[in-house]
Amino acid sequence: MSGSRLKCRGIGFQLSRLRKPYGNVAFLFGMVGLAIVISRGNGYGQDLVRSESKLMPIRTWTGKEANQAPLRNPGGICIDSEGIVYVADTGNHRIAVLDTAGRLSREMGGLGVGAYQLNRPSDVSAKLGLDLLVADTGNDRIQRFNRRLGYISTISSDDAFTQPISVDVSSFGDLFILDGSRKQIVKIDALGSQLLLFGGIESGDGELHDPKDVSVWSQESVWVADGVSGNVVQFDLFGNFLARYHLGDGVDVRGVVCDVDGVWIAAHDRVGFLSYRGKVDWYFGQDHLRTMSLVAADDIAVSQDQLVLLDATSGAVAWFRLKK
């Protein structure tokens, strides 16, 4: 793979810490400008606004309804502009496709190293009318397919990344790959050239500790779910650290997806929304997940007026209507 290799380090130093209505804000100044770290207390405190009316349950699919092959420890989910849902069915080494009625319509994969074959895929991305990207974790590669699951190409490089666990694409066509082995983000252009690395152990304030998922907001920023650290970490498209939103001790941030006004969060036992202004709304917890036959919220996807949750434990997928 050609292209230059650049490493981004965290910027600046802490100058002050101010108490704000939505938590503690630390302002960081550096060579490229201003970065912000926001602390949310314990993640369940009075800082957070709770609401349930914005998400209206539609249906839940488990694969058992019509004797279909159920999901086995699925890792990631996405939904395209037409409402088609793609699931990285990790334990079954396949991609499962669910139609707009919530039925299994297609599947592709099987354990192997060839085209159309997968080894523990962890994530999928279908965005902006572009192709389907699959994080083929066990094979250390990204596979690209068209929307009909026709094979297009493979991106792999031991020097650039191993064990990709999440992938997303910007509106410019650049890929942002979460390297699960090195705990960093790799940016690769549309031609397959590596552009830069960021979020790794030498990234200062932007260092990732337990990254699980990556999502790109259009032409502006990259958001990372940082697992049991309880953080959502924001970078710009050049890998510069912008902000760290601490949602609380004990909060396990497993999935993030960018929407028009902010970032939806799957935090295992609850679902939240982080606006681009830095305000968090928690929408419901485990009791409400159980009403949709879900044990946990492990990944999340959104398209127009629909939000979809993935439960890796039970292998269930649940649809909700978004009330704007």
Protein backbone atom coordinates (compact mmCIF):
# COMPACT_ATOMS: atom_id res chain seq x y z
CA MET A 1 0.00 0.00 0.00
CA SER A 2 1.43 3.37 -0.99
CA GLY A 3 1.15 6.74 0.66
CA SER A 4 2.76 8.59 3.53
CA ARG A 5 2.45 7.55 7.14
CA LEU A 6 1.68 10.35 9.57
CA LYS A 7 1.11 10.09 13.28
CA CYS A 8 -1.05 12.62 15.09
CA ARG A 9 -0.33 13.40 18.70
CA GLY A 10 -2.66 14.94 21.25
CA ILE A 11 -2.56 18.69 21.46
CA GLY A 12 -2.00 21.26 24.13
CA PHE A 13 -2.12 21.35 27.89
CA GLN A 14 -4.86 22.02 30.42
CA LEU A 15 -5.19 25.65 31.40
CA SER A 16 -8.37 25.74 33.43
CA ARG A 17 -11.36 23.69 34.52
CA LEU A 18 -14.75 25.32 34.77
CA ARG A 19 -18.01 24.03 36.24
CA LYS A 20 -20.81 24.08 33.68
CA PRO A 21 -24.45 22.92 33.76
CA TYR A 22 -23.56 19.84 31.75
CA GLY A 23 -20.39 18.87 33.60
CA ASN A 24 -16.76 19.83 33.99
CA VAL A 25 -15.17 21.51 31.00
CA ALA A 26 -11.41 21.59 30.53
CA PHE A 27 -10.07 23.93 27.85
CA LEU A 28 -6.94 22.74 26.05
CA PHE A 29 -4.90 25.01 23.80
CA GLY A 30 -2.31 23.75 21.37
CA MET A 31 -0.71 24.18 18.01
CA VAL A 32 -3.88 23.61 16.05
CA GLY A 33 -6.35 25.46 18.26
CA LEU A 34 -8.80 24.59 21.00
CA ALA A 35 -9.76 21.17 22.35
CA ILE A 36 -12.32 20.40 25.03
CA VAL A 37 -12.68 17.65 27.62
CA ILE A 38 -16.11 17.35 29.20
CA SER A 39 -16.79 15.25 32.28
CA ARG A 40 -20.31 13.95 32.90
CA GLY A 41 -20.01 12.93 36.51
CA ASN A 42 -21.18 9.34 37.02
CA GLY A 43 -23.20 9.25 33.81
CA TYR A 44 -26.48 8.97 35.69
CA GLY A 45 -26.49 12.25 37.61
CA GLN A 46 -28.70 15.29 37.50
CA ASP A 47 -26.68 16.70 34.61
CA LEU A 48 -28.45 14.36 32.21
CA VAL A 49 -31.91 14.80 30.72
CA ARG A 50 -33.98 11.63 30.31
CA SER A 51 -36.75 11.18 27.76
CA GLU A 52 -38.50 8.20 26.20
CA SER A 53 -41.03 9.84 23.89
CA LYS A 54 -38.58 10.44 21.05
CA LEU A 55 -38.09 6.72 20.33
CA MET A 56 -41.19 4.70 19.40
CA PRO A 57 -40.75 0.88 19.18
CA ILE A 58 -41.57 -0.70 15.82
CA ARG A 59 -40.40 -4.32 15.78
CA THR A 60 -37.77 -6.79 16.94
CA TRP A 61 -36.12 -9.55 14.88
CA THR A 62 -34.34 -12.54 16.41
CA GLY A 63 -34.15 -14.95 13.48
CA LYS A 64 -36.35 -17.42 15.30
CA GLU A 65 -39.65 -16.13 13.95
CA ALA A 66 -39.50 -18.05 10.65
CA ASN A 67 -36.93 -20.72 11.51
CA GLN A 68 -34.23 -18.50 10.05
CA ALA A 69 -30.62 -18.84 11.14
CA PRO A 70 -30.29 -16.61 14.23
CA LEU A 71 -27.40 -14.24 14.75
CA ARG A 72 -24.47 -15.49 16.79
CA ASN A 73 -22.52 -12.89 18.76
CA PRO A 74 -23.04 -10.17 16.11
CA GLY A 75 -20.54 -7.32 16.21
CA GLY A 76 -21.92 -4.39 14.22
CA ILE A 77 -24.90 -2.99 12.37
CA CYS A 78 -25.72 -0.28 9.83
CA ILE A 79 -28.74 0.91 7.87
CA ASP A 80 -28.67 2.45 4.39
CA SER A 81 -30.72 5.31 2.99
CA GLU A 82 -33.40 2.89 1.77
CA GLY A 83 -33.91 1.34 5.20
CA ILE A 84 -32.03 -1.90 4.49
CA VAL A 85 -30.16 -3.19 7.56
CA TYR A 86 -26.79 -4.97 7.36
CA VAL A 87 -25.46 -6.99 10.30
CA ALA A 88 -21.93 -8.27 10.86
CA ASP A 89 -22.86 -11.72 12.18
CA THR A 90 -19.51 -12.42 13.81
CA GLY A 91 -20.06 -15.93 15.13
CA ASN A 92 -21.57 -17.16 11.86
CA HIS A 93 -18.87 -15.50 9.69
CA ARG A 94 -21.49 -13.83 7.51
CA ILE A 95 -23.28 -10.61 6.65
CA ALA A 96 -27.02 -10.78 7.23
CA VAL A 97 -29.31 -8.40 5.33
CA LEU A 98 -32.71 -7.45 6.76
CA ASP A 99 -35.30 -5.79 4.52
CA THR A 100 -37.59 -2.89 5.40
CA ALA A 101 -40.16 -5.31 6.84
CA GLY A 102 -37.57 -6.72 9.25
CA ARG A 103 -37.09 -10.02 7.44
CA LEU A 104 -33.85 -11.79 6.57
CA SER A 105 -33.63 -11.26 2.83
CA ARG A 106 -30.04 -12.13 1.98
CA GLU A 107 -26.84 -13.39 3.52
CA MET A 108 -23.26 -13.69 2.40
CA GLY A 109 -20.08 -15.19 3.81
CA GLY A 110 -18.82 -18.37 5.34
CA LEU A 111 -15.51 -19.01 7.06
CA GLY A 112 -12.52 -18.57 4.74
CA VAL A 113 -9.93 -16.22 3.29
CA GLY A 114 -11.20 -15.77 -0.27
CA ALA A 115 -13.48 -13.16 -1.78
CA TYR A 116 -17.00 -13.43 -0.33
CA GLN A 117 -15.55 -15.34 2.64
CA LEU A 118 -15.20 -13.90 6.13
CA ASN A 119 -13.54 -14.63 9.45
CA ARG A 120 -15.36 -13.11 12.43
CA PRO A 121 -16.52 -9.86 10.79
CA SER A 122 -17.04 -7.13 13.41
CA ASP A 123 -18.60 -4.18 11.63
CA VAL A 124 -20.33 -2.94 8.48
CA SER A 125 -20.80 0.50 6.93
CA ALA A 126 -23.20 1.51 4.16
CA LYS A 127 -23.28 5.27 3.87
CA LEU A 128 -24.02 8.07 1.43
CA GLY A 129 -25.24 5.68 -1.27
CA LEU A 130 -21.76 4.16 -1.46
CA ASP A 131 -20.69 0.54 -1.27
CA LEU A 132 -20.86 -1.79 1.72
CA LEU A 133 -17.67 -1.94 3.77
CA VAL A 134 -17.01 -4.95 5.98
CA ALA A 135 -14.44 -5.10 8.79
CA ASP A 136 -13.25 -8.67 8.21
CA THR A 137 -11.50 -8.85 11.56
CA GLY A 138 -10.11 -12.37 11.57
CA ASN A 139 -8.66 -11.92 8.10
CA ASP A 140 -7.04 -8.55 8.95
CA ARG A 141 -8.73 -6.76 6.06
CA ILE A 142 -11.58 -4.58 4.85
CA GLN A 143 -13.75 -6.03 2.09
CA ARG A 144 -15.81 -3.81 -0.17
CA PHE A 145 -19.07 -5.03 -1.75
CA ASN A 146 -21.85 -3.39 -3.71
CA ARG A 147 -25.32 -3.18 -2.20
CA ARG A 148 -26.25 -6.51 -3.80
CA LEU A 149 -23.28 -8.07 -2.01
CA GLY A 150 -21.20 -8.34 -5.14
CA TYR A 151 -17.49 -8.36 -4.35
CA ILE A 152 -15.49 -5.28 -5.41
CA SER A 153 -12.12 -5.16 -3.65
CA THR A 154 -10.05 -5.83 -0.54
CA ILE A 155 -7.93 -3.44 1.54
CA SER A 156 -5.27 -4.99 3.76
CA SER A 157 -1.82 -4.15 5.06
CA ASP A 158 0.00 -5.53 8.09
CA ASP A 159 1.91 -2.25 8.29
CA ALA A 160 -1.27 -0.16 8.35
CA PHE A 161 -3.65 -2.22 10.49
CA THR A 162 -4.48 -5.63 11.90
CA GLN A 163 -7.74 -6.88 13.37
CA PRO A 164 -10.01 -4.08 12.10
CA ILE A 165 -13.04 -3.99 14.38
CA SER A 166 -14.90 -1.00 12.94
CA VAL A 167 -14.93 1.03 9.73
CA ASP A 168 -16.67 4.12 8.39
CA VAL A 169 -16.26 6.48 5.44
CA SER A 170 -16.30 10.25 5.05
CA SER A 171 -18.15 12.15 2.33
CA PHE A 172 -14.76 12.49 0.60
CA GLY A 173 -14.51 8.71 0.31
CA ASP A 174 -11.73 8.37 2.92
CA LEU A 175 -11.93 5.26 5.11
CA PHE A 176 -11.46 5.44 8.88
CA ILE A 177 -10.55 2.01 10.24
CA LEU A 178 -10.42 1.16 13.94
CA ASP A 179 -7.43 -1.11 14.51
CA GLY A 180 -8.45 -3.32 17.43
CA SER A 181 -4.96 -4.65 17.96
CA ARG A 182 -3.17 -1.29 18.17
CA LYS A 183 -6.14 0.68 19.53
CA GLN A 184 -5.83 3.44 16.95
CA ILE A 185 -7.59 4.87 13.90
CA VAL A 186 -6.11 4.44 10.43
CA LYS A 187 -7.18 6.86 7.69
CA ILE A 188 -6.97 5.50 4.13
CA ASP A 189 -7.99 7.36 0.98
CA ALA A 190 -10.30 6.06 -1.73
CA LEU A 191 -7.32 4.73 -3.68
CA GLY A 192 -6.11 2.61 -0.78
CA SER A 193 -3.17 4.81 0.30
CA GLN A 194 -2.58 5.21 4.01
CA LEU A 195 -2.79 8.85 5.03
CA LEU A 196 -2.33 8.93 8.79
CA LEU A 197 -2.68 7.18 12.17
CA PHE A 198 -4.19 8.69 15.30
CA GLY A 199 -5.61 7.79 18.71
CA GLY A 200 -2.77 5.40 19.59
CA ILE A 201 -0.61 5.20 22.70
CA GLU A 202 1.40 8.31 21.84
CA SER A 203 -1.61 10.53 21.09
CA GLY A 204 -1.66 12.44 24.38
CA ASP A 205 -5.17 13.65 25.23
CA GLY A 206 -6.49 11.80 22.18
CA GLU A 207 -5.25 8.39 23.33
CA LEU A 208 -7.88 5.67 23.07
CA HIS A 209 -8.13 3.11 25.87
CA ASP A 210 -10.86 0.62 24.95
CA PRO A 211 -12.12 1.63 21.47
CA LYS A 212 -15.13 -0.27 20.16
CA ASP A 213 -16.65 1.70 17.29
CA VAL A 214 -15.97 4.62 14.94
CA SER A 215 -18.38 6.92 13.11
CA VAL A 216 -17.66 9.81 10.76
CA TRP A 217 -19.76 12.96 10.61
CA SER A 218 -19.76 14.07 6.96
CA GLN A 219 -16.92 16.50 6.22
CA GLU A 220 -16.22 17.49 9.80
CA SER A 221 -15.28 14.99 12.51
CA VAL A 222 -14.59 11.43 13.65
CA TRP A 223 -16.24 9.99 16.77
CA VAL A 224 -15.02 6.95 18.71
CA ALA A 225 -16.84 4.86 21.33
CA ASP A 226 -14.12 4.22 23.90
CA GLY A 227 -15.70 1.29 25.74
CA VAL A 228 -15.36 0.89 29.49
CA SER A 229 -13.50 4.19 29.81
CA GLY A 230 -16.96 5.75 29.55
CA ASN A 231 -15.77 8.19 26.90
CA VAL A 232 -16.83 9.34 23.47
CA VAL A 233 -13.76 10.86 21.80
CA GLN A 234 -13.92 13.39 18.95
CA PHE A 235 -11.23 14.08 16.33
CA ASP A 236 -11.24 16.16 13.18
CA LEU A 237 -10.74 14.50 9.80
CA PHE A 238 -6.99 15.14 10.03
CA GLY A 239 -6.70 13.16 13.26
CA ASN A 240 -6.41 16.14 15.59
CA PHE A 241 -7.97 15.58 19.00
CA LEU A 242 -10.95 17.87 19.64
CA ALA A 243 -12.86 16.66 22.70
CA ARG A 244 -13.39 13.83 25.15
CA TYR A 245 -16.91 13.46 26.54
CA HIS A 246 -16.87 11.41 29.73
CA LEU A 247 -20.32 9.89 30.20
CA GLY A 248 -19.53 8.44 33.60
CA ASP A 249 -17.65 5.79 35.52
CA GLY A 250 -19.16 2.38 34.84
CA VAL A 251 -20.63 3.44 31.48
CA ASP A 252 -19.62 1.02 28.70
CA VAL A 253 -19.79 2.95 25.41
CA ARG A 254 -20.02 0.26 22.72
CA GLY A 255 -21.49 1.93 19.67
CA VAL A 256 -21.75 5.41 18.15
CA VAL A 257 -23.37 6.72 14.99
CA CYS A 258 -23.49 10.30 13.72
CA ASP A 259 -26.80 11.94 12.87
CA VAL A 260 -27.71 15.44 11.70
CA ASP A 261 -27.71 17.05 15.15
CA GLY A 262 -25.41 14.80 17.14
CA VAL A 263 -24.19 11.32 17.96
CA TRP A 264 -26.37 8.40 19.04
CA ILE A 265 -24.80 6.19 21.70
CA ALA A 266 -25.27 2.50 22.52
CA ALA A 267 -23.95 2.15 26.07
CA HIS A 268 -24.85 -1.49 26.79
CA ASP A 269 -27.55 -0.86 29.39
CA ARG A 270 -28.95 2.34 27.88
CA VAL A 271 -29.26 4.48 24.77
CA GLY A 272 -28.26 8.12 24.61
CA PHE A 273 -27.80 11.09 22.33
CA LEU A 274 -24.85 13.50 22.49
CA SER A 275 -25.55 16.73 20.64
CA TYR A 276 -22.78 18.49 18.75
CA ARG A 277 -23.11 21.22 21.39
CA GLY A 278 -22.12 18.73 24.10
CA LYS A 279 -25.45 17.96 25.78
CA VAL A 280 -26.40 14.36 26.62
CA ASP A 281 -29.93 12.92 26.72
CA TRP A 282 -30.43 9.37 27.99
CA TYR A 283 -33.54 7.88 26.41
CA PHE A 284 -34.06 4.58 28.16
CA GLY A 285 -32.35 1.84 30.15
CA GLN A 286 -32.51 -1.91 30.61
CA ASP A 287 -36.17 -2.06 31.61
CA HIS A 288 -37.19 -0.48 28.32
CA LEU A 289 -34.74 -2.63 26.37
CA ARG A 290 -36.45 -5.71 27.78
CA THR A 291 -39.80 -4.57 26.44
CA MET A 292 -38.27 -4.95 22.97
CA SER A 293 -36.82 -8.38 23.84
CA LEU A 294 -33.32 -6.89 24.15
CA VAL A 295 -30.75 -7.69 26.82
CA ALA A 296 -28.34 -4.89 25.89
CA ALA A 297 -27.59 -2.17 23.35
CA ASP A 298 -24.25 -3.11 21.78
CA ASP A 299 -24.36 -1.17 18.50
CA ILE A 300 -26.58 1.43 16.93
CA ALA A 301 -27.52 2.71 13.47
CA VAL A 302 -29.69 5.55 12.22
CA SER A 303 -31.18 6.63 8.89
CA GLN A 304 -33.69 9.44 8.46
CA ASP A 305 -36.54 8.63 10.88
CA GLN A 306 -35.39 5.15 11.95
CA LEU A 307 -33.02 4.01 14.67
CA VAL A 308 -31.85 0.39 14.92
CA LEU A 309 -30.26 -1.35 17.91
CA LEU A 310 -28.18 -4.52 17.94
CA ASP A 311 -28.09 -6.82 20.96
CA ALA A 312 -25.03 -9.08 20.71
CA THR A 313 -26.06 -11.21 23.68
CA SER A 314 -29.49 -12.29 22.45
CA GLY A 315 -28.75 -11.80 18.74
CA ALA A 316 -31.73 -9.49 18.36
CA VAL A 317 -32.25 -6.42 16.16
CA ALA A 318 -34.82 -3.78 17.16
CA TRP A 319 -36.26 -0.90 15.13
CA PHE A 320 -37.50 2.41 16.56
CA ARG A 321 -39.23 5.37 14.97
CA LEU A 322 -37.48 8.67 15.61
CA LYS A 323 -39.75 11.57 16.45
CA LYS A 324 -37.90 14.68 15.31
